Amino acid sequence: MTDDLHNNPGGEEKRIYPRMDVFKKMTYRELVPSGEEGIIQDISEGGLCLLLNKEFAPGTILEVKYELQSPTPKPIESIAKVVWQKKTDKGMLTGVQFIP
């Protein structure tokens, strides 16, 4: 990834799944009320890094909806758990883990 916003301090990658950089609009909603938009920063088989305008407690469950670029894009809907958040000048960088 080109920035260090959510890499660990030593720069050593410790993720189970490799990341693919993306910058794509997506929608999400907390599984209580709401329905808001954010930006996907990167994606893996295990989760997403999102740029959101709202703060969430770790463990919060979100429903996320997005489309990836492909010749025939299809909407993807997933349930994910907030694992971490970090405040940046652009919003709340948010790591979420997919829930099977």
PDB file of N, CA and C in Angstrom:
ATOM      1  N   MET A   1       0.843  -1.178   0.000  1.00  0.00           N
ATOM      2  CA  MET A   1       0.000   0.000   0.000  1.00  0.00           C
ATOM      3  C   MET A   1       0.881   1.231   0.000  1.00  0.00           C
ATOM      4  N   THR A   2       0.419   2.316  -0.583  1.00  0.00           N
ATOM      5  CA  THR A   2       1.239   3.493  -0.770  1.00  0.00           C
ATOM      6  C   THR A   2       1.308   4.401   0.440  1.00  0.00           C
ATOM      7  N   ASP A   3       0.461   4.244   1.437  1.00  0.00           N
ATOM      8  CA  ASP A   3       0.536   5.078   2.633  1.00  0.00           C
ATOM      9  C   ASP A   3       0.698   4.197   3.862  1.00  0.00           C
ATOM     10  N   ASP A   4       1.046   4.841   4.975  1.00  0.00           N
ATOM     11  CA  ASP A   4       1.276   4.101   6.212  1.00  0.00           C
ATOM     12  C   ASP A   4       0.158   4.308   7.219  1.00  0.00           C
ATOM     13  N   LEU A   5      -1.027   4.705   6.774  1.00  0.00           N
ATOM     14  CA  LEU A   5      -2.094   5.036   7.706  1.00  0.00           C
ATOM     15  C   LEU A   5      -2.532   3.859   8.563  1.00  0.00           C
ATOM     16  N   HIS A   6      -2.495   2.666   8.013  1.00  0.00           N
ATOM     17  CA  HIS A   6      -2.942   1.535   8.817  1.00  0.00           C
ATOM     18  C   HIS A   6      -1.975   0.356   8.794  1.00  0.00           C
ATOM     19  N   ASN A   7      -0.716   0.621   8.446  1.00  0.00           N
ATOM     20  CA  ASN A   7       0.309  -0.407   8.587  1.00  0.00           C
ATOM     21  C   ASN A   7       0.892  -0.321   9.985  1.00  0.00           C
ATOM     22  N   ASN A   8       1.468  -1.410  10.451  1.00  0.00           N
ATOM     23  CA  ASN A   8       2.062  -1.349  11.777  1.00  0.00           C
ATOM     24  C   ASN A   8       3.346  -0.522  11.740  1.00  0.00           C
ATOM     25  N   PRO A   9       3.823  -0.018  12.892  1.00  0.00           N
ATOM     26  CA  PRO A   9       4.930   0.928  12.929  1.00  0.00           C
ATOM     27  C   PRO A   9       6.212   0.435  12.272  1.00  0.00           C
ATOM     28  N   GLY A  10       6.535  -0.845  12.365  1.00  0.00           N
ATOM     29  CA  GLY A  10       7.762  -1.363  11.776  1.00  0.00           C
ATOM     30  C   GLY A  10       7.679  -1.522  10.271  1.00  0.00           C
ATOM     31  N   GLY A  11       6.495  -1.334   9.696  1.00  0.00           N
ATOM     32  CA  GLY A  11       6.324  -1.483   8.259  1.00  0.00           C
ATOM     33  C   GLY A  11       6.206  -2.933   7.816  1.00  0.00           C
ATOM     34  N   GLU A  12       6.355  -3.869   8.746  1.00  0.00           N
ATOM     35  CA  GLU A  12       6.274  -5.288   8.416  1.00  0.00           C
ATOM     36  C   GLU A  12       4.815  -5.721   8.343  1.00  0.00           C
ATOM     37  N   GLU A  13       4.438  -6.334   7.225  1.00  0.00           N
ATOM     38  CA  GLU A  13       3.052  -6.763   7.033  1.00  0.00           C
ATOM     39  C   GLU A  13       2.803  -8.040   7.830  1.00  0.00           C
ATOM     40  N   LYS A  14       1.726  -8.054   8.639  1.00  0.00           N
ATOM     41  CA  LYS A  14       1.401  -9.219   9.458  1.00  0.00           C
ATOM     42  C   LYS A  14       0.015  -9.745   9.137  1.00  0.00           C
ATOM     43  N   ARG A  15      -0.540  -9.408   8.000  1.00  0.00           N
ATOM     44  CA  ARG A  15      -1.888  -9.809   7.644  1.00  0.00           C
ATOM     45  C   ARG A  15      -1.912 -11.252   7.133  1.00  0.00           C
ATOM     46  N   ILE A  16      -3.036 -11.912   7.339  1.00  0.00           N
ATOM     47  CA  ILE A  16      -3.226 -13.263   6.832  1.00  0.00           C
ATOM     48  C   ILE A  16      -3.487 -13.212   5.327  1.00  0.00           C
ATOM     49  N   TYR A  17      -4.300 -12.235   4.885  1.00  0.00           N
ATOM     50  CA  TYR A  17      -4.677 -12.127   3.486  1.00  0.00           C
ATOM     51  C   TYR A  17      -3.993 -10.921   2.854  1.00  0.00           C
ATOM     52  N   PRO A  18      -3.467 -11.046   1.626  1.00  0.00           N
ATOM     53  CA  PRO A  18      -2.839  -9.897   0.971  1.00  0.00           C
ATOM     54  C   PRO A  18      -3.873  -8.831   0.631  1.00  0.00           C
ATOM     55  N   ARG A  19      -3.463  -7.572   0.635  1.00  0.00           N
ATOM     56  CA  ARG A  19      -4.340  -6.427   0.347  1.00  0.00           C
ATOM     57  C   ARG A  19      -4.202  -5.999  -1.103  1.00  0.00           C
ATOM     58  N   MET A  20      -5.290  -5.423  -1.628  1.00  0.00           N
ATOM     59  CA  MET A  20      -5.305  -4.857  -2.960  1.00  0.00           C
ATOM     60  C   MET A  20      -5.808  -3.425  -2.817  1.00  0.00           C
ATOM     61  N   ASP A  21      -5.013  -2.437  -3.220  1.00  0.00           N
ATOM     62  CA  ASP A  21      -5.424  -1.043  -3.106  1.00  0.00           C
ATOM     63  C   ASP A  21      -6.619  -0.758  -4.005  1.00  0.00           C
ATOM     64  N   VAL A  22      -7.618  -0.073  -3.442  1.00  0.00           N
ATOM     65  CA  VAL A  22      -8.786   0.382  -4.200  1.00  0.00           C
ATOM     66  C   VAL A  22      -9.199   1.744  -3.664  1.00  0.00           C
ATOM     67  N   PHE A  23      -9.924   2.484  -4.440  1.00  0.00           N
ATOM     68  CA  PHE A  23     -10.541   3.729  -3.994  1.00  0.00           C
ATOM     69  C   PHE A  23     -11.893   3.759  -4.663  1.00  0.00           C
ATOM     70  N   LYS A  24     -12.916   3.259  -3.971  1.00  0.00           N
ATOM     71  CA  LYS A  24     -14.226   3.002  -4.563  1.00  0.00           C
ATOM     72  C   LYS A  24     -15.306   3.382  -3.582  1.00  0.00           C
ATOM     73  N   LYS A  25     -16.352   4.077  -4.047  1.00  0.00           N
ATOM     74  CA  LYS A  25     -17.486   4.398  -3.180  1.00  0.00           C
ATOM     75  C   LYS A  25     -18.189   3.128  -2.748  1.00  0.00           C
ATOM     76  N   MET A  26     -18.748   3.168  -1.532  1.00  0.00           N
ATOM     77  CA  MET A  26     -19.493   2.039  -1.000  1.00  0.00           C
ATOM     78  C   MET A  26     -20.550   2.594  -0.063  1.00  0.00           C
ATOM     79  N   THR A  27     -21.501   1.777   0.313  1.00  0.00           N
ATOM     80  CA  THR A  27     -22.484   2.175   1.310  1.00  0.00           C
ATOM     81  C   THR A  27     -22.385   1.204   2.477  1.00  0.00           C
ATOM     82  N   TYR A  28     -22.794   1.667   3.638  1.00  0.00           N
ATOM     83  CA  TYR A  28     -22.821   0.805   4.809  1.00  0.00           C
ATOM     84  C   TYR A  28     -23.967   1.234   5.698  1.00  0.00           C
ATOM     85  N   ARG A  29     -24.372   0.344   6.569  1.00  0.00           N
ATOM     86  CA  ARG A  29     -25.346   0.718   7.580  1.00  0.00           C
ATOM     87  C   ARG A  29     -25.062  -0.102   8.824  1.00  0.00           C
ATOM     88  N   GLU A  30     -25.174   0.560   9.933  1.00  0.00           N
ATOM     89  CA  GLU A  30     -25.052  -0.110  11.208  1.00  0.00           C
ATOM     90  C   GLU A  30     -26.303  -0.967  11.341  1.00  0.00           C
ATOM     91  N   LEU A  31     -26.169  -2.154  11.847  1.00  0.00           N
ATOM     92  CA  LEU A  31     -27.318  -3.043  11.880  1.00  0.00           C
ATOM     93  C   LEU A  31     -28.298  -2.682  12.996  1.00  0.00           C
ATOM     94  N   VAL A  32     -28.375  -1.421  13.267  1.00  0.00           N
ATOM     95  CA  VAL A  32     -29.420  -0.878  14.129  1.00  0.00           C
ATOM     96  C   VAL A  32     -30.181   0.033  13.166  1.00  0.00           C
ATOM     97  N   PRO A  33     -30.048   1.343  13.193  1.00  0.00           N
ATOM     98  CA  PRO A  33     -30.601   2.171  12.126  1.00  0.00           C
ATOM     99  C   PRO A  33     -29.487   2.754  11.265  1.00  0.00           C
ATOM    100  N   SER A  34     -29.801   3.585  10.294  1.00  0.00           N
ATOM    101  CA  SER A  34     -28.845   4.384   9.540  1.00  0.00           C
ATOM    102  C   SER A  34     -28.676   3.903   8.108  1.00  0.00           C
ATOM    103  N   GLY A  35     -27.830   4.529   7.360  1.00  0.00           N
ATOM    104  CA  GLY A  35     -27.474   4.194   5.985  1.00  0.00           C
ATOM    105  C   GLY A  35     -26.591   5.312   5.461  1.00  0.00           C
ATOM    106  N   GLU A  36     -25.296   5.101   5.459  1.00  0.00           N
ATOM    107  CA  GLU A  36     -24.338   6.150   5.153  1.00  0.00           C
ATOM    108  C   GLU A  36     -23.378   5.694   4.064  1.00  0.00           C
ATOM    109  N   GLU A  37     -22.560   6.621   3.542  1.00  0.00           N
ATOM    110  CA  GLU A  37     -21.576   6.301   2.518  1.00  0.00           C
ATOM    111  C   GLU A  37     -20.174   6.485   3.060  1.00  0.00           C
ATOM    112  N   GLY A  38     -19.227   5.767   2.463  1.00  0.00           N
ATOM    113  CA  GLY A  38     -17.815   5.882   2.805  1.00  0.00           C
ATOM    114  C   GLY A  38     -16.991   5.475   1.604  1.00  0.00           C
ATOM    115  N   ILE A  39     -15.693   5.318   1.794  1.00  0.00           N
ATOM    116  CA  ILE A  39     -14.761   4.950   0.736  1.00  0.00           C
ATOM    117  C   ILE A  39     -13.996   3.700   1.177  1.00  0.00           C
ATOM    118  N   ILE A  40     -13.871   2.708   0.289  1.00  0.00           N
ATOM    119  CA  ILE A  40     -13.027   1.546   0.549  1.00  0.00           C
ATOM    120  C   ILE A  40     -11.592   1.947   0.219  1.00  0.00           C
ATOM    121  N   GLN A  41     -10.674   1.770   1.177  1.00  0.00           N
ATOM    122  CA  GLN A  41      -9.251   2.057   0.963  1.00  0.00           C
ATOM    123  C   GLN A  41      -8.516   0.828   0.425  1.00  0.00           C
ATOM    124  N   ASP A  42      -8.797  -0.332   0.999  1.00  0.00           N
ATOM    125  CA  ASP A  42      -8.244  -1.579   0.483  1.00  0.00           C
ATOM    126  C   ASP A  42      -9.145  -2.732   0.884  1.00  0.00           C
ATOM    127  N   ILE A  43      -8.890  -3.880   0.266  1.00  0.00           N
ATOM    128  CA  ILE A  43      -9.772  -5.036   0.454  1.00  0.00           C
ATOM    129  C   ILE A  43      -8.946  -6.313   0.454  1.00  0.00           C
ATOM    130  N   SER A  44      -9.390  -7.310   1.224  1.00  0.00           N
ATOM    131  CA  SER A  44      -8.788  -8.639   1.199  1.00  0.00           C
ATOM    132  C   SER A  44      -9.910  -9.649   1.397  1.00  0.00           C
ATOM    133  N   GLU A  45      -9.568 -10.913   1.403  1.00  0.00           N
ATOM    134  CA  GLU A  45     -10.582 -11.937   1.655  1.00  0.00           C
ATOM    135  C   GLU A  45     -11.137 -11.837   3.068  1.00  0.00           C
ATOM    136  N   GLY A  46     -10.374 -11.234   3.976  1.00  0.00           N
ATOM    137  CA  GLY A  46     -10.782 -11.171   5.374  1.00  0.00           C
ATOM    138  C   GLY A  46     -11.509  -9.908   5.790  1.00  0.00           C
ATOM    139  N   GLY A  47     -11.399  -8.820   4.998  1.00  0.00           N
ATOM    140  CA  GLY A  47     -12.056  -7.583   5.405  1.00  0.00           C
ATOM    141  C   GLY A  47     -11.730  -6.403   4.522  1.00  0.00           C
ATOM    142  N   LEU A  48     -12.067  -5.218   5.033  1.00  0.00           N
ATOM    143  CA  LEU A  48     -11.911  -3.969   4.292  1.00  0.00           C
ATOM    144  C   LEU A  48     -11.274  -2.927   5.194  1.00  0.00           C
ATOM    145  N   CYS A  49     -10.609  -1.966   4.585  1.00  0.00           N
ATOM    146  CA  CYS A  49     -10.220  -0.744   5.277  1.00  0.00           C
ATOM    147  C   CYS A  49     -11.060   0.364   4.655  1.00  0.00           C
ATOM    148  N   LEU A  50     -11.864   1.025   5.469  1.00  0.00           N
ATOM    149  CA  LEU A  50     -12.816   2.019   4.987  1.00  0.00           C
ATOM    150  C   LEU A  50     -12.469   3.399   5.511  1.00  0.00           C
ATOM    151  N   LEU A  51     -12.838   4.414   4.754  1.00  0.00           N
ATOM    152  CA  LEU A  51     -12.765   5.788   5.216  1.00  0.00           C
ATOM    153  C   LEU A  51     -14.194   6.242   5.452  1.00  0.00           C
ATOM    154  N   LEU A  52     -14.560   6.456   6.721  1.00  0.00           N
ATOM    155  CA  LEU A  52     -15.927   6.783   7.100  1.00  0.00           C
ATOM    156  C   LEU A  52     -15.975   8.145   7.791  1.00  0.00           C
ATOM    157  N   ASN A  53     -17.165   8.709   7.885  1.00  0.00           N
ATOM    158  CA  ASN A  53     -17.355   9.990   8.562  1.00  0.00           C
ATOM    159  C   ASN A  53     -17.899   9.824   9.969  1.00  0.00           C
ATOM    160  N   LYS A  54     -17.967   8.590  10.455  1.00  0.00           N
ATOM    161  CA  LYS A  54     -18.583   8.319  11.744  1.00  0.00           C
ATOM    162  C   LYS A  54     -17.681   7.422  12.577  1.00  0.00           C
ATOM    163  N   GLU A  55     -17.684   7.639  13.874  1.00  0.00           N
ATOM    164  CA  GLU A  55     -16.911   6.823  14.791  1.00  0.00           C
ATOM    165  C   GLU A  55     -17.764   5.642  15.269  1.00  0.00           C
ATOM    166  N   PHE A  56     -17.159   4.455  15.302  1.00  0.00           N
ATOM    167  CA  PHE A  56     -17.831   3.253  15.772  1.00  0.00           C
ATOM    168  C   PHE A  56     -16.966   2.566  16.822  1.00  0.00           C
ATOM    169  N   ALA A  57     -17.600   1.977  17.794  1.00  0.00           N
ATOM    170  CA  ALA A  57     -16.884   1.199  18.801  1.00  0.00           C
ATOM    171  C   ALA A  57     -16.422  -0.119  18.180  1.00  0.00           C
ATOM    172  N   PRO A  58     -15.250  -0.623  18.571  1.00  0.00           N
ATOM    173  CA  PRO A  58     -14.849  -1.949  18.118  1.00  0.00           C
ATOM    174  C   PRO A  58     -15.932  -2.966  18.465  1.00  0.00           C
ATOM    175  N   GLY A  59     -16.186  -3.875  17.542  1.00  0.00           N
ATOM    176  CA  GLY A  59     -17.230  -4.873  17.736  1.00  0.00           C
ATOM    177  C   GLY A  59     -18.549  -4.494  17.095  1.00  0.00           C
ATOM    178  N   THR A  60     -18.698  -3.220  16.676  1.00  0.00           N
ATOM    179  CA  THR A  60     -19.930  -2.802  15.999  1.00  0.00           C
ATOM    180  C   THR A  60     -20.082  -3.591  14.707  1.00  0.00           C
ATOM    181  N   ILE A  61     -21.286  -4.084  14.454  1.00  0.00           N
ATOM    182  CA  ILE A  61     -21.570  -4.859  13.242  1.00  0.00           C
ATOM    183  C   ILE A  61     -22.154  -3.927  12.189  1.00  0.00           C
ATOM    184  N   LEU A  62     -21.571  -3.970  10.985  1.00  0.00           N
ATOM    185  CA  LEU A  62     -22.032  -3.160   9.861  1.00  0.00           C
ATOM    186  C   LEU A  62     -22.434  -4.059   8.701  1.00  0.00           C
ATOM    187  N   GLU A  63     -23.388  -3.614   7.925  1.00  0.00           N
ATOM    188  CA  GLU A  63     -23.687  -4.228   6.631  1.00  0.00           C
ATOM    189  C   GLU A  63     -23.032  -3.314   5.599  1.00  0.00           C
ATOM    190  N   VAL A  64     -22.167  -3.860   4.742  1.00  0.00           N
ATOM    191  CA  VAL A  64     -21.496  -3.062   3.714  1.00  0.00           C
ATOM    192  C   VAL A  64     -21.945  -3.523   2.336  1.00  0.00           C
ATOM    193  N   LYS A  65     -22.117  -2.564   1.425  1.00  0.00           N
ATOM    194  CA  LYS A  65     -22.514  -2.852   0.044  1.00  0.00           C
ATOM    195  C   LYS A  65     -21.575  -2.095  -0.884  1.00  0.00           C
ATOM    196  N   TYR A  66     -21.060  -2.794  -1.909  1.00  0.00           N
ATOM    197  CA  TYR A  66     -20.141  -2.169  -2.849  1.00  0.00           C
ATOM    198  C   TYR A  66     -20.088  -2.993  -4.124  1.00  0.00           C
ATOM    199  N   GLU A  67     -19.460  -2.444  -5.159  1.00  0.00           N
ATOM    200  CA  GLU A  67     -19.206  -3.147  -6.412  1.00  0.00           C
ATOM    201  C   GLU A  67     -17.728  -3.019  -6.725  1.00  0.00           C
ATOM    202  N   LEU A  68     -17.111  -4.082  -7.188  1.00  0.00           N
ATOM    203  CA  LEU A  68     -15.732  -4.037  -7.635  1.00  0.00           C
ATOM    204  C   LEU A  68     -15.709  -3.886  -9.145  1.00  0.00           C
ATOM    205  N   GLN A  69     -14.630  -3.285  -9.650  1.00  0.00           N
ATOM    206  CA  GLN A  69     -14.539  -3.108 -11.099  1.00  0.00           C
ATOM    207  C   GLN A  69     -14.362  -4.462 -11.767  1.00  0.00           C
ATOM    208  N   SER A  70     -15.190  -4.730 -12.738  1.00  0.00           N
ATOM    209  CA  SER A  70     -15.094  -5.943 -13.536  1.00  0.00           C
ATOM    210  C   SER A  70     -15.945  -5.710 -14.784  1.00  0.00           C
ATOM    211  N   PRO A  71     -15.804  -6.569 -15.788  1.00  0.00           N
ATOM    212  CA  PRO A  71     -16.626  -6.391 -16.990  1.00  0.00           C
ATOM    213  C   PRO A  71     -18.125  -6.416 -16.696  1.00  0.00           C
ATOM    214  N   THR A  72     -18.532  -7.221 -15.710  1.00  0.00           N
ATOM    215  CA  THR A  72     -19.943  -7.284 -15.316  1.00  0.00           C
ATOM    216  C   THR A  72     -20.042  -7.117 -13.803  1.00  0.00           C
ATOM    217  N   PRO A  73     -19.931  -5.866 -13.313  1.00  0.00           N
ATOM    218  CA  PRO A  73     -19.964  -5.665 -11.854  1.00  0.00           C
ATOM    219  C   PRO A  73     -21.292  -6.074 -11.233  1.00  0.00           C
ATOM    220  N   LYS A  74     -21.211  -6.741 -10.095  1.00  0.00           N
ATOM    221  CA  LYS A  74     -22.394  -7.149  -9.345  1.00  0.00           C
ATOM    222  C   LYS A  74     -22.299  -6.562  -7.950  1.00  0.00           C
ATOM    223  N   PRO A  75     -23.420  -6.146  -7.383  1.00  0.00           N
ATOM    224  CA  PRO A  75     -23.382  -5.645  -6.001  1.00  0.00           C
ATOM    225  C   PRO A  75     -22.948  -6.754  -5.045  1.00  0.00           C
ATOM    226  N   ILE A  76     -22.090  -6.387  -4.104  1.00  0.00           N
ATOM    227  CA  ILE A  76     -21.633  -7.309  -3.070  1.00  0.00           C
ATOM    228  C   ILE A  76     -22.161  -6.783  -1.743  1.00  0.00           C
ATOM    229  N   GLU A  77     -22.792  -7.624  -0.977  1.00  0.00           N
ATOM    230  CA  GLU A  77     -23.287  -7.258   0.346  1.00  0.00           C
ATOM    231  C   GLU A  77     -22.636  -8.187   1.356  1.00  0.00           C
ATOM    232  N   SER A  78     -22.069  -7.600   2.405  1.00  0.00           N
ATOM    233  CA  SER A  78     -21.389  -8.384   3.432  1.00  0.00           C
ATOM    234  C   SER A  78     -21.716  -7.838   4.814  1.00  0.00           C
ATOM    235  N   ILE A  79     -21.583  -8.697   5.794  1.00  0.00           N
ATOM    236  CA  ILE A  79     -21.683  -8.293   7.188  1.00  0.00           C
ATOM    237  C   ILE A  79     -20.249  -8.267   7.719  1.00  0.00           C
ATOM    238  N   ALA A  80     -19.901  -7.171   8.416  1.00  0.00           N
ATOM    239  CA  ALA A  80     -18.534  -7.014   8.899  1.00  0.00           C
ATOM    240  C   ALA A  80     -18.541  -6.427  10.308  1.00  0.00           C
ATOM    241  N   LYS A  81     -17.486  -6.731  11.043  1.00  0.00           N
ATOM    242  CA  LYS A  81     -17.327  -6.241  12.416  1.00  0.00           C
ATOM    243  C   LYS A  81     -16.206  -5.203  12.444  1.00  0.00           C
ATOM    244  N   VAL A  82     -16.458  -4.053  13.084  1.00  0.00           N
ATOM    245  CA  VAL A  82     -15.427  -3.034  13.245  1.00  0.00           C
ATOM    246  C   VAL A  82     -14.360  -3.580  14.188  1.00  0.00           C
ATOM    247  N   VAL A  83     -13.103  -3.575  13.720  1.00  0.00           N
ATOM    248  CA  VAL A  83     -11.991  -4.077  14.512  1.00  0.00           C
ATOM    249  C   VAL A  83     -11.192  -2.915  15.106  1.00  0.00           C
ATOM    250  N   TRP A  84     -10.993  -1.850  14.325  1.00  0.00           N
ATOM    251  CA  TRP A  84     -10.237  -0.691  14.792  1.00  0.00           C
ATOM    252  C   TRP A  84     -10.658   0.553  14.020  1.00  0.00           C
ATOM    253  N   GLN A  85     -10.339   1.721  14.592  1.00  0.00           N
ATOM    254  CA  GLN A  85     -10.538   3.007  13.925  1.00  0.00           C
ATOM    255  C   GLN A  85      -9.394   3.936  14.283  1.00  0.00           C
ATOM    256  N   LYS A  86      -9.069   4.812  13.342  1.00  0.00           N
ATOM    257  CA  LYS A  86      -8.034   5.814  13.544  1.00  0.00           C
ATOM    258  C   LYS A  86      -8.505   7.115  12.911  1.00  0.00           C
ATOM    259  N   LYS A  87      -8.489   8.193  13.666  1.00  0.00           N
ATOM    260  CA  LYS A  87      -8.914   9.492  13.149  1.00  0.00           C
ATOM    261  C   LYS A  87      -7.820  10.062  12.249  1.00  0.00           C
ATOM    262  N   THR A  88      -8.224  10.517  11.048  1.00  0.00           N
ATOM    263  CA  THR A  88      -7.301  11.173  10.121  1.00  0.00           C
ATOM    264  C   THR A  88      -7.908  12.510   9.723  1.00  0.00           C
ATOM    265  N   ASP A  89      -7.175  13.297   8.958  1.00  0.00           N
ATOM    266  CA  ASP A  89      -7.712  14.576   8.502  1.00  0.00           C
ATOM    267  C   ASP A  89      -8.829  14.397   7.471  1.00  0.00           C
ATOM    268  N   LYS A  90      -8.986  13.199   6.927  1.00  0.00           N
ATOM    269  CA  LYS A  90     -10.030  12.927   5.936  1.00  0.00           C
ATOM    270  C   LYS A  90     -11.248  12.220   6.523  1.00  0.00           C
ATOM    271  N   GLY A  91     -11.162  11.767   7.756  1.00  0.00           N
ATOM    272  CA  GLY A  91     -12.263  11.039   8.377  1.00  0.00           C
ATOM    273  C   GLY A  91     -11.742   9.932   9.268  1.00  0.00           C
ATOM    274  N   MET A  92     -12.581   8.958   9.533  1.00  0.00           N
ATOM    275  CA  MET A  92     -12.220   7.832  10.394  1.00  0.00           C
ATOM    276  C   MET A  92     -11.795   6.639   9.538  1.00  0.00           C
ATOM    277  N   LEU A  93     -10.495   6.330   9.538  1.00  0.00           N
ATOM    278  CA  LEU A  93     -10.005   5.141   8.868  1.00  0.00           C
ATOM    279  C   LEU A  93     -10.455   3.965   9.713  1.00  0.00           C
ATOM    280  N   THR A  94     -11.142   2.990   9.109  1.00  0.00           N
ATOM    281  CA  THR A  94     -11.836   1.948   9.857  1.00  0.00           C
ATOM    282  C   THR A  94     -11.514   0.574   9.289  1.00  0.00           C
ATOM    283  N   GLY A  95     -10.986  -0.308  10.117  1.00  0.00           N
ATOM    284  CA  GLY A  95     -10.729  -1.679   9.715  1.00  0.00           C
ATOM    285  C   GLY A  95     -11.895  -2.552  10.106  1.00  0.00           C
ATOM    286  N   VAL A  96     -12.459  -3.272   9.135  1.00  0.00           N
ATOM    287  CA  VAL A  96     -13.571  -4.176   9.416  1.00  0.00           C
ATOM    288  C   VAL A  96     -13.210  -5.581   8.948  1.00  0.00           C
ATOM    289  N   GLN A  97     -13.696  -6.561   9.693  1.00  0.00           N
ATOM    290  CA  GLN A  97     -13.465  -7.967   9.374  1.00  0.00           C
ATOM    291  C   GLN A  97     -14.783  -8.584   8.934  1.00  0.00           C
ATOM    292  N   PHE A  98     -14.760  -9.293   7.791  1.00  0.00           N
ATOM    293  CA  PHE A  98     -15.967  -9.956   7.321  1.00  0.00           C
ATOM    294  C   PHE A  98     -16.404 -11.021   8.327  1.00  0.00           C
ATOM    295  N   ILE A  99     -17.710 -11.150   8.490  1.00  0.00           N
ATOM    296  CA  ILE A  99     -18.288 -12.186   9.355  1.00  0.00           C
ATOM    297  C   ILE A  99     -18.939 -13.206   8.428  1.00  0.00           C
ATOM    298  N   PRO A 100     -18.468 -14.467   8.492  1.00  0.00           N
ATOM    299  CA  PRO A 100     -19.032 -15.493   7.580  1.00  0.00           C
ATOM    300  C   PRO A 100     -20.505 -15.770   7.878  1.00  0.00           C
TER     301      PRO A 100
END
